N, C-alpha and C. Protein backbone atom coordinates (compact mmCIF):
# COMPACT_ATOMS: atom_id res chain seq x y z
N MET A 1 125.28 86.00 123.59
CA MET A 1 125.89 87.22 123.10
C MET A 1 125.41 87.52 121.68
N ALA A 2 125.39 86.51 120.81
CA ALA A 2 124.93 86.73 119.43
C ALA A 2 123.47 87.13 119.42
N THR A 3 122.66 86.56 120.35
CA THR A 3 121.25 86.91 120.42
C THR A 3 121.09 88.37 120.81
N ASN A 4 121.89 88.83 121.77
CA ASN A 4 121.82 90.23 122.19
C ASN A 4 122.20 91.16 121.04
N LEU A 5 123.23 90.81 120.29
CA LEU A 5 123.66 91.62 119.16
C LEU A 5 122.56 91.68 118.10
N ARG A 6 121.91 90.54 117.89
CA ARG A 6 120.82 90.49 116.91
C ARG A 6 119.67 91.39 117.35
N ARG A 7 119.33 91.37 118.64
CA ARG A 7 118.27 92.24 119.16
C ARG A 7 118.62 93.71 118.97
N ILE A 8 119.87 94.05 119.23
CA ILE A 8 120.31 95.44 119.08
C ILE A 8 120.20 95.85 117.62
N ARG A 9 120.67 94.99 116.72
CA ARG A 9 120.59 95.30 115.28
C ARG A 9 119.15 95.47 114.83
N THR A 10 118.27 94.58 115.29
CA THR A 10 116.87 94.66 114.90
C THR A 10 116.23 95.92 115.43
N ARG A 11 116.56 96.28 116.65
CA ARG A 11 115.99 97.49 117.24
C ARG A 11 116.50 98.74 116.56
N SER A 12 117.68 98.68 115.97
CA SER A 12 118.24 99.88 115.35
C SER A 12 117.72 100.10 113.93
N LEU A 13 116.91 99.19 113.43
CA LEU A 13 116.33 99.37 112.11
C LEU A 13 115.15 100.33 112.19
N ALA A 14 115.06 101.21 111.21
CA ALA A 14 113.91 102.09 111.11
C ALA A 14 112.69 101.28 110.74
N PRO A 15 111.50 101.75 111.08
CA PRO A 15 110.28 101.01 110.74
C PRO A 15 110.19 100.66 109.26
N VAL A 16 110.57 101.56 108.39
CA VAL A 16 110.49 101.29 106.95
C VAL A 16 111.42 100.13 106.56
N GLN A 17 112.55 100.01 107.25
CA GLN A 17 113.47 98.91 106.98
C GLN A 17 112.89 97.58 107.46
N ARG A 18 112.29 97.58 108.64
CA ARG A 18 111.70 96.35 109.17
C ARG A 18 110.56 95.86 108.28
N VAL A 19 109.74 96.78 107.80
CA VAL A 19 108.62 96.40 106.94
C VAL A 19 109.13 95.87 105.60
N SER A 20 110.12 96.52 105.04
CA SER A 20 110.70 96.07 103.77
C SER A 20 111.24 94.65 103.92
N ALA A 21 111.97 94.40 104.99
CA ALA A 21 112.53 93.06 105.22
C ALA A 21 111.42 92.03 105.45
N THR A 22 110.38 92.41 106.17
CA THR A 22 109.27 91.50 106.44
C THR A 22 108.52 91.15 105.16
N ILE A 23 108.23 92.17 104.36
CA ILE A 23 107.53 91.91 103.10
C ILE A 23 108.42 91.08 102.18
N GLY A 24 109.71 91.37 102.17
CA GLY A 24 110.65 90.56 101.39
C GLY A 24 110.63 89.11 101.82
N ALA A 25 110.64 88.88 103.12
CA ALA A 25 110.59 87.50 103.64
C ALA A 25 109.29 86.81 103.25
N MET A 26 108.18 87.56 103.28
CA MET A 26 106.89 86.98 102.87
C MET A 26 106.91 86.59 101.40
N PHE A 27 107.49 87.45 100.54
CA PHE A 27 107.60 87.11 99.13
C PHE A 27 108.45 85.86 98.93
N LEU A 28 109.53 85.73 99.68
CA LEU A 28 110.37 84.52 99.59
C LEU A 28 109.56 83.28 99.94
N ILE A 29 108.84 83.35 101.03
CA ILE A 29 108.04 82.21 101.48
C ILE A 29 107.02 81.82 100.41
N VAL A 30 106.32 82.82 99.88
CA VAL A 30 105.30 82.56 98.85
C VAL A 30 105.96 81.98 97.59
N GLY A 31 107.10 82.53 97.20
CA GLY A 31 107.80 82.04 96.01
C GLY A 31 108.21 80.59 96.14
N PHE A 32 108.78 80.23 97.28
CA PHE A 32 109.19 78.84 97.48
C PHE A 32 107.99 77.93 97.69
N ALA A 33 106.92 78.45 98.32
CA ALA A 33 105.71 77.65 98.52
C ALA A 33 105.10 77.22 97.19
N GLY A 34 105.27 78.04 96.17
CA GLY A 34 104.75 77.70 94.85
C GLY A 34 105.42 76.48 94.23
N PHE A 35 106.53 76.05 94.81
CA PHE A 35 107.23 74.85 94.32
C PHE A 35 106.98 73.63 95.20
N ILE A 36 106.09 73.76 96.17
CA ILE A 36 105.84 72.65 97.10
C ILE A 36 104.51 71.98 96.78
N PRO A 37 104.56 70.71 96.34
CA PRO A 37 103.30 69.99 96.11
C PRO A 37 102.51 69.91 97.41
N GLY A 38 101.23 70.06 97.30
CA GLY A 38 100.38 70.09 98.49
C GLY A 38 99.99 71.52 98.80
N LEU A 39 100.99 72.39 98.92
CA LEU A 39 100.67 73.82 99.04
C LEU A 39 100.23 74.36 97.69
N THR A 40 100.77 73.75 96.63
CA THR A 40 100.39 74.10 95.27
C THR A 40 99.59 72.94 94.69
N THR A 41 98.31 73.19 94.43
CA THR A 41 97.45 72.15 93.87
C THR A 41 97.75 72.01 92.38
N GLN A 42 97.45 70.83 91.85
CA GLN A 42 97.72 70.49 90.45
C GLN A 42 99.18 70.79 90.10
N TYR A 43 100.05 70.43 91.03
CA TYR A 43 101.49 70.72 90.88
C TYR A 43 102.06 70.14 89.60
N GLY A 44 101.56 69.02 89.16
CA GLY A 44 102.05 68.38 87.95
C GLY A 44 101.83 69.21 86.69
N SER A 45 100.92 70.16 86.75
CA SER A 45 100.66 71.00 85.57
C SER A 45 101.47 72.30 85.61
N LEU A 46 102.36 72.45 86.61
CA LEU A 46 103.18 73.65 86.71
C LEU A 46 104.07 73.77 85.47
N THR A 47 103.94 74.88 84.76
CA THR A 47 104.72 75.11 83.55
C THR A 47 105.66 76.28 83.78
N TRP A 48 106.59 76.47 82.82
CA TRP A 48 107.54 77.58 82.92
C TRP A 48 106.80 78.91 83.00
N MET A 49 105.86 79.15 82.06
CA MET A 49 105.08 80.38 82.06
C MET A 49 103.83 80.17 81.23
N GLY A 50 102.93 81.10 81.30
CA GLY A 50 101.75 81.06 80.44
C GLY A 50 100.52 80.51 81.10
N MET A 51 99.41 80.71 80.40
CA MET A 51 98.10 80.35 80.92
C MET A 51 97.89 78.85 81.03
N ASP A 52 98.77 78.05 80.40
CA ASP A 52 98.60 76.60 80.44
C ASP A 52 98.89 76.00 81.81
N SER A 53 99.58 76.76 82.67
CA SER A 53 99.84 76.26 84.01
C SER A 53 98.54 76.26 84.80
N GLN A 54 98.14 75.10 85.25
CA GLN A 54 96.92 74.99 86.06
C GLN A 54 97.25 74.82 87.54
N ALA A 55 98.53 75.04 87.89
CA ALA A 55 98.94 74.95 89.29
C ALA A 55 98.43 76.19 90.03
N HIS A 56 97.95 75.96 91.27
CA HIS A 56 97.41 77.06 92.07
C HIS A 56 97.98 76.98 93.48
N LEU A 57 98.63 78.05 93.90
CA LEU A 57 99.12 78.13 95.27
C LEU A 57 97.93 78.23 96.20
N LEU A 58 97.89 77.36 97.19
CA LEU A 58 96.80 77.27 98.15
C LEU A 58 95.45 77.02 97.46
N GLY A 59 95.51 76.47 96.24
CA GLY A 59 94.30 76.18 95.49
C GLY A 59 93.59 77.41 94.96
N LEU A 60 94.22 78.59 95.06
CA LEU A 60 93.55 79.84 94.72
C LEU A 60 94.30 80.69 93.70
N PHE A 61 95.61 80.85 93.89
CA PHE A 61 96.41 81.76 93.08
C PHE A 61 97.15 80.99 91.99
N GLN A 62 96.86 81.29 90.73
CA GLN A 62 97.50 80.60 89.62
C GLN A 62 98.99 80.95 89.60
N VAL A 63 99.84 79.93 89.49
CA VAL A 63 101.28 80.15 89.50
C VAL A 63 101.95 79.37 88.37
N SER A 64 103.15 79.81 88.05
CA SER A 64 104.02 79.12 87.11
C SER A 64 105.42 79.21 87.69
N ILE A 65 106.36 78.57 87.04
CA ILE A 65 107.74 78.67 87.51
C ILE A 65 108.19 80.13 87.48
N LEU A 66 107.89 80.84 86.39
CA LEU A 66 108.25 82.25 86.29
C LEU A 66 107.60 83.07 87.39
N HIS A 67 106.33 82.83 87.65
CA HIS A 67 105.61 83.56 88.69
C HIS A 67 106.29 83.35 90.05
N ASN A 68 106.63 82.10 90.35
CA ASN A 68 107.31 81.81 91.62
C ASN A 68 108.68 82.49 91.69
N LEU A 69 109.41 82.46 90.58
CA LEU A 69 110.73 83.10 90.57
C LEU A 69 110.64 84.61 90.73
N VAL A 70 109.58 85.21 90.19
CA VAL A 70 109.37 86.66 90.39
C VAL A 70 109.15 86.95 91.87
N HIS A 71 108.35 86.12 92.54
CA HIS A 71 108.15 86.31 93.98
C HIS A 71 109.46 86.16 94.75
N ILE A 72 110.25 85.17 94.39
CA ILE A 72 111.55 84.99 95.07
C ILE A 72 112.44 86.19 94.82
N GLY A 73 112.47 86.68 93.58
CA GLY A 73 113.27 87.87 93.26
C GLY A 73 112.83 89.08 94.05
N PHE A 74 111.51 89.29 94.17
CA PHE A 74 111.00 90.41 94.97
C PHE A 74 111.40 90.23 96.43
N GLY A 75 111.36 89.00 96.90
CA GLY A 75 111.75 88.73 98.28
C GLY A 75 113.20 89.07 98.55
N VAL A 76 114.07 88.63 97.68
CA VAL A 76 115.50 88.94 97.83
C VAL A 76 115.71 90.46 97.77
N ALA A 77 115.03 91.12 96.85
CA ALA A 77 115.16 92.58 96.72
C ALA A 77 114.69 93.27 98.00
N GLY A 78 113.56 92.86 98.53
CA GLY A 78 113.04 93.48 99.75
C GLY A 78 113.98 93.34 100.93
N ILE A 79 114.58 92.18 101.07
CA ILE A 79 115.51 91.96 102.17
C ILE A 79 116.81 92.74 101.95
N MET A 80 117.34 92.69 100.75
CA MET A 80 118.59 93.40 100.49
C MET A 80 118.41 94.93 100.56
N LEU A 81 117.30 95.41 100.06
CA LEU A 81 117.08 96.86 100.08
C LEU A 81 116.67 97.38 101.46
N ALA A 82 116.40 96.48 102.39
CA ALA A 82 116.08 96.89 103.76
C ALA A 82 117.32 97.35 104.53
N ARG A 83 118.48 97.28 103.92
CA ARG A 83 119.72 97.67 104.61
C ARG A 83 119.76 99.14 104.98
N THR A 84 119.14 99.98 104.17
CA THR A 84 119.06 101.41 104.52
C THR A 84 117.62 101.86 104.41
N ALA A 85 117.27 102.90 105.13
CA ALA A 85 115.91 103.42 105.10
C ALA A 85 115.56 103.93 103.70
N ARG A 86 116.49 104.56 103.05
CA ARG A 86 116.22 105.12 101.72
C ARG A 86 115.90 104.02 100.72
N THR A 87 116.70 102.95 100.71
CA THR A 87 116.46 101.88 99.75
C THR A 87 115.25 101.02 100.15
N ALA A 88 114.97 100.92 101.44
CA ALA A 88 113.78 100.21 101.89
C ALA A 88 112.53 100.93 101.39
N ARG A 89 112.53 102.25 101.51
CA ARG A 89 111.40 103.04 101.02
C ARG A 89 111.27 102.88 99.51
N LEU A 90 112.39 102.90 98.82
CA LEU A 90 112.39 102.72 97.37
C LEU A 90 111.76 101.37 96.98
N PHE A 91 112.13 100.32 97.70
CA PHE A 91 111.54 99.00 97.45
C PHE A 91 110.02 99.04 97.61
N LEU A 92 109.55 99.64 98.69
CA LEU A 92 108.12 99.68 98.94
C LEU A 92 107.39 100.50 97.88
N LEU A 93 107.94 101.64 97.52
CA LEU A 93 107.27 102.50 96.54
C LEU A 93 107.31 101.91 95.13
N LEU A 94 108.50 101.52 94.69
CA LEU A 94 108.61 100.96 93.33
C LEU A 94 107.97 99.58 93.23
N GLY A 95 108.17 98.76 94.24
CA GLY A 95 107.54 97.44 94.25
C GLY A 95 106.04 97.55 94.26
N GLY A 96 105.52 98.48 95.05
CA GLY A 96 104.07 98.72 95.08
C GLY A 96 103.57 99.19 93.73
N ALA A 97 104.32 100.07 93.09
CA ALA A 97 103.93 100.55 91.75
C ALA A 97 103.91 99.41 90.75
N VAL A 98 104.91 98.52 90.83
CA VAL A 98 104.95 97.37 89.93
C VAL A 98 103.71 96.49 90.14
N TYR A 99 103.34 96.26 91.39
CA TYR A 99 102.17 95.43 91.66
C TYR A 99 100.88 96.10 91.22
N LEU A 100 100.80 97.42 91.31
CA LEU A 100 99.62 98.13 90.80
C LEU A 100 99.55 98.00 89.27
N LEU A 101 100.71 98.10 88.62
CA LEU A 101 100.73 97.91 87.16
C LEU A 101 100.35 96.48 86.78
N LEU A 102 100.81 95.50 87.56
CA LEU A 102 100.41 94.11 87.32
C LEU A 102 98.91 93.93 87.47
N PHE A 103 98.33 94.61 88.47
CA PHE A 103 96.88 94.55 88.65
C PHE A 103 96.17 95.09 87.42
N ILE A 104 96.60 96.25 86.95
CA ILE A 104 95.98 96.86 85.77
C ILE A 104 96.15 95.95 84.55
N TYR A 105 97.36 95.44 84.37
CA TYR A 105 97.63 94.54 83.25
C TYR A 105 96.72 93.31 83.32
N GLY A 106 96.67 92.70 84.49
CA GLY A 106 95.86 91.50 84.66
C GLY A 106 94.37 91.76 84.46
N ALA A 107 93.92 92.96 84.80
CA ALA A 107 92.51 93.31 84.62
C ALA A 107 92.18 93.58 83.15
N LEU A 108 93.17 94.02 82.38
CA LEU A 108 92.91 94.39 80.99
C LEU A 108 93.07 93.24 79.99
N ILE A 109 93.91 92.27 80.31
CA ILE A 109 94.16 91.19 79.34
C ILE A 109 93.08 90.13 79.40
N ASP A 110 92.97 89.39 78.33
CA ASP A 110 92.12 88.20 78.31
C ASP A 110 92.96 87.06 78.90
N PRO A 111 92.53 86.48 80.03
CA PRO A 111 93.35 85.46 80.69
C PRO A 111 93.54 84.18 79.86
N LEU A 112 92.78 84.03 78.79
CA LEU A 112 92.89 82.82 77.98
C LEU A 112 93.77 83.02 76.75
N THR A 113 94.55 84.12 76.74
CA THR A 113 95.44 84.38 75.61
C THR A 113 96.89 84.33 76.06
N ASP A 114 97.78 84.40 75.09
CA ASP A 114 99.22 84.40 75.39
C ASP A 114 99.65 85.64 76.16
N ALA A 115 98.83 86.67 76.20
CA ALA A 115 99.16 87.86 76.99
C ALA A 115 99.25 87.53 78.47
N ASN A 116 98.62 86.45 78.88
CA ASN A 116 98.64 86.02 80.28
C ASN A 116 99.86 85.14 80.51
N PHE A 117 101.03 85.70 80.31
CA PHE A 117 102.27 84.92 80.36
C PHE A 117 102.77 84.66 81.76
N VAL A 118 102.32 85.40 82.78
CA VAL A 118 102.89 85.27 84.13
C VAL A 118 102.50 83.96 84.81
N PRO A 119 101.40 83.39 84.89
CA PRO A 119 100.02 83.74 84.60
C PRO A 119 99.34 84.35 85.82
N VAL A 120 98.21 85.01 85.60
CA VAL A 120 97.42 85.58 86.69
C VAL A 120 95.96 85.23 86.50
N ASN A 121 95.25 85.10 87.61
CA ASN A 121 93.80 84.91 87.58
C ASN A 121 93.18 86.03 88.42
N SER A 122 91.89 86.02 88.63
CA SER A 122 91.26 87.14 89.34
C SER A 122 91.72 87.22 90.79
N ALA A 123 91.99 86.09 91.43
CA ALA A 123 92.52 86.12 92.81
C ALA A 123 93.88 86.81 92.83
N ASP A 124 94.74 86.48 91.85
CA ASP A 124 96.04 87.15 91.74
C ASP A 124 95.86 88.65 91.54
N ASN A 125 94.93 89.01 90.65
CA ASN A 125 94.72 90.43 90.36
C ASN A 125 94.35 91.22 91.61
N TRP A 126 93.41 90.70 92.38
CA TRP A 126 93.01 91.42 93.58
C TRP A 126 94.12 91.45 94.63
N LEU A 127 94.87 90.38 94.73
CA LEU A 127 96.02 90.37 95.64
C LEU A 127 97.06 91.39 95.19
N HIS A 128 97.30 91.48 93.89
CA HIS A 128 98.26 92.47 93.37
C HIS A 128 97.79 93.88 93.69
N ALA A 129 96.49 94.15 93.56
CA ALA A 129 95.96 95.48 93.88
C ALA A 129 96.18 95.80 95.36
N LEU A 130 95.83 94.86 96.23
CA LEU A 130 96.00 95.09 97.67
C LEU A 130 97.48 95.26 98.05
N LEU A 131 98.34 94.42 97.48
CA LEU A 131 99.77 94.53 97.74
C LEU A 131 100.31 95.88 97.27
N GLY A 132 99.93 96.27 96.07
CA GLY A 132 100.40 97.54 95.52
C GLY A 132 99.99 98.71 96.39
N ILE A 133 98.73 98.76 96.76
CA ILE A 133 98.23 99.86 97.61
C ILE A 133 98.95 99.85 98.96
N ALA A 134 99.05 98.68 99.57
CA ALA A 134 99.68 98.58 100.89
C ALA A 134 101.15 98.97 100.84
N MET A 135 101.88 98.48 99.84
CA MET A 135 103.31 98.79 99.76
C MET A 135 103.55 100.28 99.53
N VAL A 136 102.79 100.89 98.63
CA VAL A 136 102.95 102.33 98.38
C VAL A 136 102.58 103.12 99.64
N ALA A 137 101.46 102.77 100.27
CA ALA A 137 101.05 103.47 101.49
C ALA A 137 102.10 103.35 102.58
N LEU A 138 102.63 102.15 102.78
CA LEU A 138 103.66 101.97 103.81
C LEU A 138 104.92 102.74 103.45
N GLY A 139 105.29 102.74 102.18
CA GLY A 139 106.47 103.48 101.75
C GLY A 139 106.33 104.98 101.99
N LEU A 140 105.12 105.48 101.88
CA LEU A 140 104.88 106.92 102.09
C LEU A 140 104.73 107.27 103.57
N MET A 141 104.17 106.37 104.35
CA MET A 141 103.82 106.71 105.73
C MET A 141 104.85 106.35 106.79
N LEU A 142 105.62 105.30 106.56
CA LEU A 142 106.52 104.84 107.62
C LEU A 142 107.70 105.78 107.82
N PRO A 143 108.04 106.04 109.07
CA PRO A 143 109.20 106.89 109.32
C PRO A 143 110.50 106.20 108.93
N ALA A 144 111.43 107.00 108.45
CA ALA A 144 112.73 106.49 108.02
C ALA A 144 113.73 106.49 109.17
N ARG A 145 113.34 107.05 110.28
CA ARG A 145 114.24 107.11 111.44
C ARG A 145 113.55 106.58 112.67
N LEU A 146 114.37 106.08 113.58
CA LEU A 146 113.83 105.65 114.87
C LEU A 146 113.52 106.89 115.69
N ARG A 147 112.45 106.81 116.42
CA ARG A 147 112.13 107.92 117.32
C ARG A 147 112.98 107.78 118.57
N GLU A 148 113.50 108.90 119.03
CA GLU A 148 114.32 108.89 120.24
C GLU A 148 113.42 108.72 121.46
N ARG A 149 113.87 107.90 122.38
CA ARG A 149 113.12 107.73 123.62
C ARG A 149 113.50 108.85 124.57
N ILE A 150 112.50 109.42 125.19
CA ILE A 150 112.74 110.46 126.19
C ILE A 150 112.64 109.82 127.56
N GLY A 151 113.64 110.03 128.38
CA GLY A 151 113.63 109.48 129.72
C GLY A 151 114.06 108.03 129.79
N GLY A 152 114.80 107.56 128.75
CA GLY A 152 115.45 106.30 128.74
C GLY A 152 114.67 105.10 128.58
């Protein structure tokens, strides 16, 4: 019975809500993965923030405790804002804009200075660009309502 109710609830979500929740869940997974030795290389060098953190998620993306917490925060926001189509769209559009700004910021700063407080490397920058573009595009394109089925 609970499984059937869950299926009904999931089916009643608009596409924009499902995508917001999915992206939120992905951010949560990535945020927590940044705290797992093995998934995060050089885990012992993980610092609160700044360029001194030499920890890399999947050996590629530079992370810090702050960076991981930002991902977790985005994940929680994506899931919570998926409750309505309007707020799900808002998450995708504003979250995408934030990631585009992070891309620009990361491209403009010298990664070896204190300005790199998150920290980010070139892999992070390109991922931020792709995430930003994808989130904004999805926020603009996805329907906010379920399409009615004709003929049952």
